[in-house]
Amino acid sequence: KTASLAISNIISPYLLDLSENGSIDDAISYDNTIRSGIYIYKGI
């Protein structure tokens, strides 16, 4: 439960930011924080 609270507190703001950018692809383009976590992009 403690770990779930900690993870949720980190992830949920990023999810809100994704939608503010229009789409996940837009967020990856504009947001370096989101982009830093991507290791496979559309199969690449």
All heavy atoms as atom14 arrays in JSON, in Angstrom:
{
  "sequence": "KTASLAISNIISPYLLDLSENGSIDDAISYDNTIRSGIYIYKGI",
  "atom14_mask": [
    [1, 1, 1, 1, 1, 1, 1, 1, 1, 0, 0, 0, 0, 0],
    [1, 1, 1, 1, 1, 1, 1, 0, 0, 0, 0, 0, 0, 0],
    [1, 1, 1, 1, 1, 0, 0, 0, 0, 0, 0, 0, 0, 0],
    [1, 1, 1, 1, 1, 1, 0, 0, 0, 0, 0, 0, 0, 0],
    [1, 1, 1, 1, 1, 1, 1, 1, 0, 0, 0, 0, 0, 0],
    [1, 1, 1, 1, 1, 0, 0, 0, 0, 0, 0, 0, 0, 0],
    [1, 1, 1, 1, 1, 1, 1, 1, 0, 0, 0, 0, 0, 0],
    [1, 1, 1, 1, 1, 1, 0, 0, 0, 0, 0, 0, 0, 0],
    [1, 1, 1, 1, 1, 1, 1, 1, 0, 0, 0, 0, 0, 0],
    [1, 1, 1, 1, 1, 1, 1, 1, 0, 0, 0, 0, 0, 0],
    [1, 1, 1, 1, 1, 1, 1, 1, 0, 0, 0, 0, 0, 0],
    [1, 1, 1, 1, 1, 1, 0, 0, 0, 0, 0, 0, 0, 0],
    [1, 1, 1, 1, 1, 1, 1, 0, 0, 0, 0, 0, 0, 0],
    [1, 1, 1, 1, 1, 1, 1, 1, 1, 1, 1, 1, 0, 0],
    [1, 1, 1, 1, 1, 1, 1, 1, 0, 0, 0, 0, 0, 0],
    [1, 1, 1, 1, 1, 1, 1, 1, 0, 0, 0, 0, 0, 0],
    [1, 1, 1, 1, 1, 1, 1, 1, 0, 0, 0, 0, 0, 0],
    [1, 1, 1, 1, 1, 1, 1, 1, 0, 0, 0, 0, 0, 0],
    [1, 1, 1, 1, 1, 1, 0, 0, 0, 0, 0, 0, 0, 0],
    [1, 1, 1, 1, 1, 1, 1, 1, 1, 0, 0, 0, 0, 0],
    [1, 1, 1, 1, 1, 1, 1, 1, 0, 0, 0, 0, 0, 0],
    [1, 1, 1, 1, 0, 0, 0, 0, 0, 0, 0, 0, 0, 0],
    [1, 1, 1, 1, 1, 1, 0, 0, 0, 0, 0, 0, 0, 0],
    [1, 1, 1, 1, 1, 1, 1, 1, 0, 0, 0, 0, 0, 0],
    [1, 1, 1, 1, 1, 1, 1, 1, 0, 0, 0, 0, 0, 0],
    [1, 1, 1, 1, 1, 1, 1, 1, 0, 0, 0, 0, 0, 0],
    [1, 1, 1, 1, 1, 0, 0, 0, 0, 0, 0, 0, 0, 0],
    [1, 1, 1, 1, 1, 1, 1, 1, 0, 0, 0, 0, 0, 0],
    [1, 1, 1, 1, 1, 1, 0, 0, 0, 0, 0, 0, 0, 0],
    [1, 1, 1, 1, 1, 1, 1, 1, 1, 1, 1, 1, 0, 0],
    [1, 1, 1, 1, 1, 1, 1, 1, 0, 0, 0, 0, 0, 0],
    [1, 1, 1, 1, 1, 1, 1, 1, 0, 0, 0, 0, 0, 0],
    [1, 1, 1, 1, 1, 1, 1, 0, 0, 0, 0, 0, 0, 0],
    [1, 1, 1, 1, 1, 1, 1, 1, 0, 0, 0, 0, 0, 0],
    [1, 1, 1, 1, 1, 1, 1, 1, 1, 1, 1, 0, 0, 0],
    [1, 1, 1, 1, 1, 1, 0, 0, 0, 0, 0, 0, 0, 0],
    [1, 1, 1, 1, 0, 0, 0, 0, 0, 0, 0, 0, 0, 0],
    [1, 1, 1, 1, 1, 1, 1, 1, 0, 0, 0, 0, 0, 0],
    [1, 1, 1, 1, 1, 1, 1, 1, 1, 1, 1, 1, 0, 0],
    [1, 1, 1, 1, 1, 1, 1, 1, 0, 0, 0, 0, 0, 0],
    [1, 1, 1, 1, 1, 1, 1, 1, 1, 1, 1, 1, 0, 0],
    [1, 1, 1, 1, 1, 1, 1, 1, 1, 0, 0, 0, 0, 0],
    [1, 1, 1, 1, 0, 0, 0, 0, 0, 0, 0, 0, 0, 0],
    [1, 1, 1, 1, 1, 1, 1, 1, 0, 0, 0, 0, 0, 0]
  ],
  "atom14_positions": [
    [[0.84, -1.21, 0.0], [0.0, 0.0, 0.0], [0.87, 1.26, 0.0], [0.6, 2.2, -0.76], [-0.94, 0.02, 1.2], [-1.93, 1.18, 1.15], [-3.1, 1.0, 2.1], [-4.13, 2.11, 1.88], [-5.34, 1.91, 2.71], [0.0, 0.0, 0.0], [0.0, 0.0, 0.0], [0.0, 0.0, 0.0], [0.0, 0.0, 0.0], [0.0, 0.0, 0.0]],
    [[1.89, 1.29, 0.84], [2.8, 2.44, 0.85], [3.46, 2.62, -0.52], [3.53, 3.73, -1.05], [3.89, 2.25, 1.92], [3.28, 2.22, 3.21], [4.9, 3.4, 1.89], [0.0, 0.0, 0.0], [0.0, 0.0, 0.0], [0.0, 0.0, 0.0], [0.0, 0.0, 0.0], [0.0, 0.0, 0.0], [0.0, 0.0, 0.0], [0.0, 0.0, 0.0]],
    [[3.93, 1.51, -1.1], [4.58, 1.57, -2.41], [3.6, 2.0, -3.49], [3.95, 2.78, -4.39], [5.19, 0.22, -2.75], [0.0, 0.0, 0.0], [0.0, 0.0, 0.0], [0.0, 0.0, 0.0], [0.0, 0.0, 0.0], [0.0, 0.0, 0.0], [0.0, 0.0, 0.0], [0.0, 0.0, 0.0], [0.0, 0.0, 0.0], [0.0, 0.0, 0.0]],
    [[2.36, 1.52, -3.42], [1.34, 1.9, -4.4], [1.04, 3.4, -4.32], [0.89, 4.07, -5.35], [0.06, 1.1, -4.19], [0.28, -0.27, -4.41], [0.0, 0.0, 0.0], [0.0, 0.0, 0.0], [0.0, 0.0, 0.0], [0.0, 0.0, 0.0], [0.0, 0.0, 0.0], [0.0, 0.0, 0.0], [0.0, 0.0, 0.0], [0.0, 0.0, 0.0]],
    [[0.96, 3.92, -3.12], [0.74, 5.36, -2.94], [1.89, 6.16, -3.54], [1.66, 7.17, -4.23], [0.61, 5.68, -1.45], [-0.73, 5.36, -0.79], [-0.59, 5.33, 0.73], [-1.79, 6.38, -1.2], [0.0, 0.0, 0.0], [0.0, 0.0, 0.0], [0.0, 0.0, 0.0], [0.0, 0.0, 0.0], [0.0, 0.0, 0.0], [0.0, 0.0, 0.0]],
    [[3.11, 5.71, -3.3], [4.29, 6.42, -3.83], [4.3, 6.39, -5.35], [4.54, 7.41, -6.0], [5.57, 5.8, -3.26], [0.0, 0.0, 0.0], [0.0, 0.0, 0.0], [0.0, 0.0, 0.0], [0.0, 0.0, 0.0], [0.0, 0.0, 0.0], [0.0, 0.0, 0.0], [0.0, 0.0, 0.0], [0.0, 0.0, 0.0], [0.0, 0.0, 0.0]],
    [[4.04, 5.21, -5.95], [4.03, 5.07, -7.41], [2.92, 5.91, -8.02], [3.12, 6.62, -9.01], [3.87, 3.59, -7.81], [5.1, 2.8, -7.37], [3.67, 3.46, -9.31], [4.93, 1.3, -7.51], [0.0, 0.0, 0.0], [0.0, 0.0, 0.0], [0.0, 0.0, 0.0], [0.0, 0.0, 0.0], [0.0, 0.0, 0.0], [0.0, 0.0, 0.0]],
    [[1.75, 5.85, -7.41], [0.59, 6.6, -7.92], [0.85, 8.11, -7.9], [0.49, 8.83, -8.83], [-0.65, 6.27, -7.09], [-1.79, 6.9, -7.61], [0.0, 0.0, 0.0], [0.0, 0.0, 0.0], [0.0, 0.0, 0.0], [0.0, 0.0, 0.0], [0.0, 0.0, 0.0], [0.0, 0.0, 0.0], [0.0, 0.0, 0.0], [0.0, 0.0, 0.0]],
    [[1.48, 8.58, -6.84], [1.79, 10.01, -6.73], [2.75, 10.48, -7.83], [2.72, 11.65, -8.21], [2.41, 10.32, -5.36], [1.41, 10.23, -4.24], [0.2, 10.28, -4.47], [1.88, 10.08, -3.01], [0.0, 0.0, 0.0], [0.0, 0.0, 0.0], [0.0, 0.0, 0.0], [0.0, 0.0, 0.0], [0.0, 0.0, 0.0], [0.0, 0.0, 0.0]],
    [[3.58, 9.57, -8.29], [4.54, 9.91, -9.36], [3.88, 9.83, -10.74], [4.03, 10.71, -11.57], [5.76, 8.97, -9.3], [6.55, 9.22, -8.01], [6.67, 9.17, -10.51], [7.54, 8.12, -7.69], [0.0, 0.0, 0.0], [0.0, 0.0, 0.0], [0.0, 0.0, 0.0], [0.0, 0.0, 0.0], [0.0, 0.0, 0.0], [0.0, 0.0, 0.0]],
    [[3.12, 8.74, -10.97], [2.59, 8.49, -12.31], [1.42, 9.39, -12.68], [1.34, 9.89, -13.81], [2.17, 7.0, -12.42], [3.39, 6.1, -12.29], [1.47, 6.74, -13.75], [3.05, 4.64, -12.22], [0.0, 0.0, 0.0], [0.0, 0.0, 0.0], [0.0, 0.0, 0.0], [0.0, 0.0, 0.0], [0.0, 0.0, 0.0], [0.0, 0.0, 0.0]],
    [[0.48, 9.61, -11.74], [-0.74, 10.34, -12.09], [-0.5, 11.74, -12.63], [-1.16, 12.14, -13.61], [-1.72, 10.36, -10.9], [-1.09, 10.8, -9.72], [0.0, 0.0, 0.0], [0.0, 0.0, 0.0], [0.0, 0.0, 0.0], [0.0, 0.0, 0.0], [0.0, 0.0, 0.0], [0.0, 0.0, 0.0], [0.0, 0.0, 0.0], [0.0, 0.0, 0.0]],
    [[0.44, 12.54, -12.08], [0.69, 13.86, -12.69], [1.21, 13.76, -14.13], [0.86, 14.59, -14.97], [1.75, 14.48, -11.77], [1.6, 13.78, -10.47], [1.22, 12.39, -10.84], [0.0, 0.0, 0.0], [0.0, 0.0, 0.0], [0.0, 0.0, 0.0], [0.0, 0.0, 0.0], [0.0, 0.0, 0.0], [0.0, 0.0, 0.0], [0.0, 0.0, 0.0]],
    [[2.04, 12.72, -14.41], [2.53, 12.54, -15.77], [1.38, 12.2, -16.73], [1.36, 12.66, -17.87], [3.59, 11.45, -15.82], [4.9, 11.83, -15.17], [5.57, 10.96, -14.33], [5.48, 13.08, -15.38], [6.78, 11.31, -13.72], [6.68, 13.44, -14.78], [7.31, 12.55, -13.95], [8.51, 12.9, -13.35], [0.0, 0.0, 0.0], [0.0, 0.0, 0.0]],
    [[0.43, 11.4, -16.26], [-0.72, 11.05, -17.1], [-1.56, 12.28, -17.43], [-2.03, 12.44, -18.56], [-1.58, 9.99, -16.4], [-0.94, 8.61, -16.24], [-1.82, 7.71, -15.38], [-0.69, 7.96, -17.6], [0.0, 0.0, 0.0], [0.0, 0.0, 0.0], [0.0, 0.0, 0.0], [0.0, 0.0, 0.0], [0.0, 0.0, 0.0], [0.0, 0.0, 0.0]],
    [[-1.72, 13.15, -16.46], [-2.45, 14.39, -16.71], [-1.7, 15.28, -17.7], [-2.31, 15.9, -18.58], [-2.68, 15.15, -15.4], [-3.68, 14.53, -14.43], [-3.68, 15.27, -13.11], [-5.09, 14.53, -15.02], [0.0, 0.0, 0.0], [0.0, 0.0, 0.0], [0.0, 0.0, 0.0], [0.0, 0.0, 0.0], [0.0, 0.0, 0.0], [0.0, 0.0, 0.0]],
    [[-0.38, 15.31, -17.58], [0.44, 16.09, -18.51], [0.33, 15.55, -19.94], [0.33, 16.31, -20.91], [1.91, 16.09, -18.08], [2.14, 16.96, -16.85], [1.27, 17.79, -16.53], [3.2, 16.8, -16.21], [0.0, 0.0, 0.0], [0.0, 0.0, 0.0], [0.0, 0.0, 0.0], [0.0, 0.0, 0.0], [0.0, 0.0, 0.0], [0.0, 0.0, 0.0]],
    [[0.24, 14.22, -20.06], [0.11, 13.62, -21.39], [-1.11, 14.15, -22.12], [-1.05, 14.51, -23.3], [0.0, 12.09, -21.27], [1.25, 11.31, -20.85], [0.92, 9.84, -20.73], [2.37, 11.5, -21.85], [0.0, 0.0, 0.0], [0.0, 0.0, 0.0], [0.0, 0.0, 0.0], [0.0, 0.0, 0.0], [0.0, 0.0, 0.0], [0.0, 0.0, 0.0]],
    [[-2.23, 14.21, -21.43], [-3.46, 14.65, -22.05], [-3.43, 16.14, -22.37], [-4.02, 16.6, -23.35], [-4.66, 14.34, -21.15], [-4.55, 15.03, -19.91], [0.0, 0.0, 0.0], [0.0, 0.0, 0.0], [0.0, 0.0, 0.0], [0.0, 0.0, 0.0], [0.0, 0.0, 0.0], [0.0, 0.0, 0.0], [0.0, 0.0, 0.0], [0.0, 0.0, 0.0]],
    [[-2.74, 16.91, -21.55], [-2.65, 18.35, -21.78], [-1.91, 18.65, -23.08], [-2.14, 19.67, -23.72], [-1.93, 19.03, -20.61], [-2.72, 19.06, -19.31], [-3.99, 19.88, -19.4], [-4.02, 20.84, -20.2], [-4.97, 19.55, -18.7], [0.0, 0.0, 0.0], [0.0, 0.0, 0.0], [0.0, 0.0, 0.0], [0.0, 0.0, 0.0], [0.0, 0.0, 0.0]],
    [[-1.0, 17.76, -23.48], [-0.24, 17.95, -24.71], [-0.99, 17.49, -25.95], [-0.49, 17.6, -27.06], [1.1, 17.21, -24.61], [2.13, 17.99, -23.82], [2.39, 19.14, -24.1], [2.69, 17.36, -22.8], [0.0, 0.0, 0.0], [0.0, 0.0, 0.0], [0.0, 0.0, 0.0], [0.0, 0.0, 0.0], [0.0, 0.0, 0.0], [0.0, 0.0, 0.0]],
    [[-2.19, 16.95, -25.77], [-3.0, 16.52, -26.9], [-2.99, 15.02, -27.09], [-4.01, 14.4, -27.25], [0.0, 0.0, 0.0], [0.0, 0.0, 0.0], [0.0, 0.0, 0.0], [0.0, 0.0, 0.0], [0.0, 0.0, 0.0], [0.0, 0.0, 0.0], [0.0, 0.0, 0.0], [0.0, 0.0, 0.0], [0.0, 0.0, 0.0], [0.0, 0.0, 0.0]],
    [[-1.83, 14.41, -27.09], [-1.69, 12.96, -27.24], [-0.35, 12.55, -26.64], [0.5, 13.39, -26.34], [-1.76, 12.56, -28.71], [-0.58, 12.99, -29.39], [0.0, 0.0, 0.0], [0.0, 0.0, 0.0], [0.0, 0.0, 0.0], [0.0, 0.0, 0.0], [0.0, 0.0, 0.0], [0.0, 0.0, 0.0], [0.0, 0.0, 0.0], [0.0, 0.0, 0.0]],
    [[-0.17, 11.24, -26.51], [1.11, 10.76, -25.96], [2.26, 11.1, -26.91], [3.34, 11.49, -26.48], [1.04, 9.24, -25.71], [-0.03, 8.93, -24.65], [2.4, 8.71, -25.25], [-0.2, 7.47, -24.34], [0.0, 0.0, 0.0], [0.0, 0.0, 0.0], [0.0, 0.0, 0.0], [0.0, 0.0, 0.0], [0.0, 0.0, 0.0], [0.0, 0.0, 0.0]],
    [[2.02, 10.97, -28.21], [3.07, 11.3, -29.17], [3.48, 12.77, -29.07], [4.66, 13.1, -29.17], [2.59, 10.99, -30.59], [2.53, 9.49, -30.86], [3.25, 8.75, -30.16], [1.78, 9.07, -31.75], [0.0, 0.0, 0.0], [0.0, 0.0, 0.0], [0.0, 0.0, 0.0], [0.0, 0.0, 0.0], [0.0, 0.0, 0.0], [0.0, 0.0, 0.0]],
    [[2.49, 13.67, -28.88], [2.8, 15.08, -28.7], [3.62, 15.3, -27.43], [4.58, 16.07, -27.41], [1.51, 15.92, -28.63], [0.78, 15.96, -29.97], [1.47, 15.95, -31.01], [-0.45, 15.98, -29.98], [0.0, 0.0, 0.0], [0.0, 0.0, 0.0], [0.0, 0.0, 0.0], [0.0, 0.0, 0.0], [0.0, 0.0, 0.0], [0.0, 0.0, 0.0]],
    [[3.23, 14.58, -26.36], [3.95, 14.72, -25.09], [5.38, 14.24, -25.22], [6.31, 14.85, -24.67], [3.23, 13.92, -23.99], [0.0, 0.0, 0.0], [0.0, 0.0, 0.0], [0.0, 0.0, 0.0], [0.0, 0.0, 0.0], [0.0, 0.0, 0.0], [0.0, 0.0, 0.0], [0.0, 0.0, 0.0], [0.0, 0.0, 0.0], [0.0, 0.0, 0.0]],
    [[5.59, 13.15, -25.96], [6.95, 12.64, -26.16], [7.79, 13.67, -26.92], [8.97, 13.85, -26.64], [6.91, 11.29, -26.92], [6.25, 10.21, -26.05], [8.32, 10.85, -27.33], [5.94, 8.93, -26.79], [0.0, 0.0, 0.0], [0.0, 0.0, 0.0], [0.0, 0.0, 0.0], [0.0, 0.0, 0.0], [0.0, 0.0, 0.0], [0.0, 0.0, 0.0]],
    [[7.16, 14.37, -27.84], [7.87, 15.39, -28.63], [8.24, 16.61, -27.8], [9.34, 17.17, -27.94], [7.01, 15.82, -29.81], [6.77, 14.74, -30.68], [0.0, 0.0, 0.0], [0.0, 0.0, 0.0], [0.0, 0.0, 0.0], [0.0, 0.0, 0.0], [0.0, 0.0, 0.0], [0.0, 0.0, 0.0], [0.0, 0.0, 0.0], [0.0, 0.0, 0.0]],
    [[7.32, 17.04, -26.91], [7.51, 18.3, -26.18], [8.14, 18.13, -24.8], [8.8, 19.04, -24.3], [6.17, 19.01, -26.02], [5.56, 19.48, -27.31], [4.33, 19.0, -27.74], [6.22, 20.41, -28.12], [3.77, 19.42, -28.93], [5.66, 20.83, -29.3], [4.43, 20.34, -29.71], [3.89, 20.77, -30.88], [0.0, 0.0, 0.0], [0.0, 0.0, 0.0]],
    [[7.92, 16.98, -24.16], [8.28, 16.83, -22.76], [9.5, 15.91, -22.62], [9.41, 14.7, -22.85], [7.08, 16.25, -21.98], [7.27, 16.32, -20.47], [8.42, 16.27, -20.01], [6.26, 16.42, -19.75], [0.0, 0.0, 0.0], [0.0, 0.0, 0.0], [0.0, 0.0, 0.0], [0.0, 0.0, 0.0], [0.0, 0.0, 0.0], [0.0, 0.0, 0.0]],
    [[10.63, 16.47, -22.22], [11.85, 15.68, -22.06], [11.72, 14.62, -20.97], [12.36, 13.57, -21.03], [13.04, 16.59, -21.76], [13.45, 17.42, -22.96], [13.28, 16.99, -24.1], [13.98, 18.61, -22.72], [0.0, 0.0, 0.0], [0.0, 0.0, 0.0], [0.0, 0.0, 0.0], [0.0, 0.0, 0.0], [0.0, 0.0, 0.0], [0.0, 0.0, 0.0]],
    [[10.91, 14.92, -19.93], [10.73, 13.97, -18.84], [10.05, 12.7, -19.33], [10.49, 11.58, -19.03], [9.91, 14.6, -17.7], [10.61, 15.74, -17.2], [9.7, 13.62, -16.56], [0.0, 0.0, 0.0], [0.0, 0.0, 0.0], [0.0, 0.0, 0.0], [0.0, 0.0, 0.0], [0.0, 0.0, 0.0], [0.0, 0.0, 0.0], [0.0, 0.0, 0.0]],
    [[8.97, 12.86, -20.09], [8.27, 11.7, -20.65], [9.18, 10.97, -21.63], [9.29, 9.75, -21.61], [6.98, 12.14, -21.36], [6.01, 12.82, -20.37], [6.31, 10.95, -22.04], [5.52, 11.93, -19.26], [0.0, 0.0, 0.0], [0.0, 0.0, 0.0], [0.0, 0.0, 0.0], [0.0, 0.0, 0.0], [0.0, 0.0, 0.0], [0.0, 0.0, 0.0]],
    [[9.87, 11.72, -22.47], [10.73, 11.13, -23.49], [11.85, 10.29, -22.86], [12.26, 9.26, -23.4], [11.34, 12.22, -24.36], [11.96, 11.7, -25.66], [12.69, 12.79, -26.42], [11.9, 13.99, -26.55], [12.34, 15.14, -27.02], [13.62, 15.24, -27.38], [11.56, 16.19, -27.12], [0.0, 0.0, 0.0], [0.0, 0.0, 0.0], [0.0, 0.0, 0.0]],
    [[12.35, 10.72, -21.69], [13.45, 10.01, -21.05], [13.07, 8.59, -20.64], [13.94, 7.73, -20.5], [13.93, 10.79, -19.82], [12.92, 10.8, -18.8], [0.0, 0.0, 0.0], [0.0, 0.0, 0.0], [0.0, 0.0, 0.0], [0.0, 0.0, 0.0], [0.0, 0.0, 0.0], [0.0, 0.0, 0.0], [0.0, 0.0, 0.0], [0.0, 0.0, 0.0]],
    [[11.77, 8.35, -20.45], [11.33, 7.03, -20.03], [11.05, 6.06, -21.17], [10.89, 4.86, -20.96], [0.0, 0.0, 0.0], [0.0, 0.0, 0.0], [0.0, 0.0, 0.0], [0.0, 0.0, 0.0], [0.0, 0.0, 0.0], [0.0, 0.0, 0.0], [0.0, 0.0, 0.0], [0.0, 0.0, 0.0], [0.0, 0.0, 0.0], [0.0, 0.0, 0.0]],
    [[11.0, 6.57, -22.4], [10.66, 5.73, -23.56], [11.86, 4.88, -23.98], [12.95, 5.4, -24.2], [10.21, 6.59, -24.76], [9.0, 7.46, -24.37], [9.88, 5.71, -25.96], [7.75, 6.7, -24.05], [0.0, 0.0, 0.0], [0.0, 0.0, 0.0], [0.0, 0.0, 0.0], [0.0, 0.0, 0.0], [0.0, 0.0, 0.0], [0.0, 0.0, 0.0]],
    [[11.66, 3.57, -24.08], [12.75, 2.71, -24.56], [12.38, 2.0, -25.87], [13.25, 1.53, -26.6], [13.2, 1.71, -23.5], [12.15, 0.72, -23.02], [12.07, -0.55, -23.57], [11.27, 1.05, -21.99], [11.13, -1.46, -23.13], [10.34, 0.14, -21.54], [10.25, -1.11, -22.11], [9.32, -2.01, -21.66], [0.0, 0.0, 0.0], [0.0, 0.0, 0.0]],
    [[11.1, 1.92, -26.17], [10.66, 1.46, -27.49], [9.61, 2.44, -27.99], [8.63, 2.73, -27.29], [10.09, 0.03, -27.46], [11.2, -0.98, -27.17], [9.4, -0.31, -28.78], [10.75, -2.43, -27.14], [0.0, 0.0, 0.0], [0.0, 0.0, 0.0], [0.0, 0.0, 0.0], [0.0, 0.0, 0.0], [0.0, 0.0, 0.0], [0.0, 0.0, 0.0]],
    [[9.82, 2.98, -29.19], [8.89, 3.96, -29.76], [8.32, 3.41, -31.06], [9.03, 3.24, -32.05], [9.6, 5.29, -30.02], [8.7, 6.37, -30.58], [7.7, 6.94, -29.79], [8.84, 6.81, -31.9], [6.87, 7.92, -30.3], [8.0, 7.8, -32.41], [7.02, 8.35, -31.6], [6.18, 9.32, -32.11], [0.0, 0.0, 0.0], [0.0, 0.0, 0.0]],
    [[7.03, 3.04, -31.01], [6.32, 2.49, -32.17], [7.08, 1.31, -32.78], [7.22, 1.18, -34.0], [6.08, 3.58, -33.21], [5.16, 4.69, -32.69], [4.84, 5.72, -33.74], [3.89, 6.76, -33.17], [3.52, 7.81, -34.16], [0.0, 0.0, 0.0], [0.0, 0.0, 0.0], [0.0, 0.0, 0.0], [0.0, 0.0, 0.0], [0.0, 0.0, 0.0]],
    [[7.6, 0.46, -31.9], [8.29, -0.74, -32.33], [9.77, -0.57, -32.59], [10.46, -1.55, -32.88], [0.0, 0.0, 0.0], [0.0, 0.0, 0.0], [0.0, 0.0, 0.0], [0.0, 0.0, 0.0], [0.0, 0.0, 0.0], [0.0, 0.0, 0.0], [0.0, 0.0, 0.0], [0.0, 0.0, 0.0], [0.0, 0.0, 0.0], [0.0, 0.0, 0.0]],
    [[10.28, 0.65, -32.45], [11.71, 0.9, -32.69], [12.42, 1.06, -31.34], [12.02, 1.88, -30.53], [11.91, 2.18, -33.53], [11.18, 2.05, -34.88], [13.39, 2.45, -33.75], [11.15, 3.34, -35.68], [0.0, 0.0, 0.0], [0.0, 0.0, 0.0], [0.0, 0.0, 0.0], [0.0, 0.0, 0.0], [0.0, 0.0, 0.0], [0.0, 0.0, 0.0]]
  ]
}
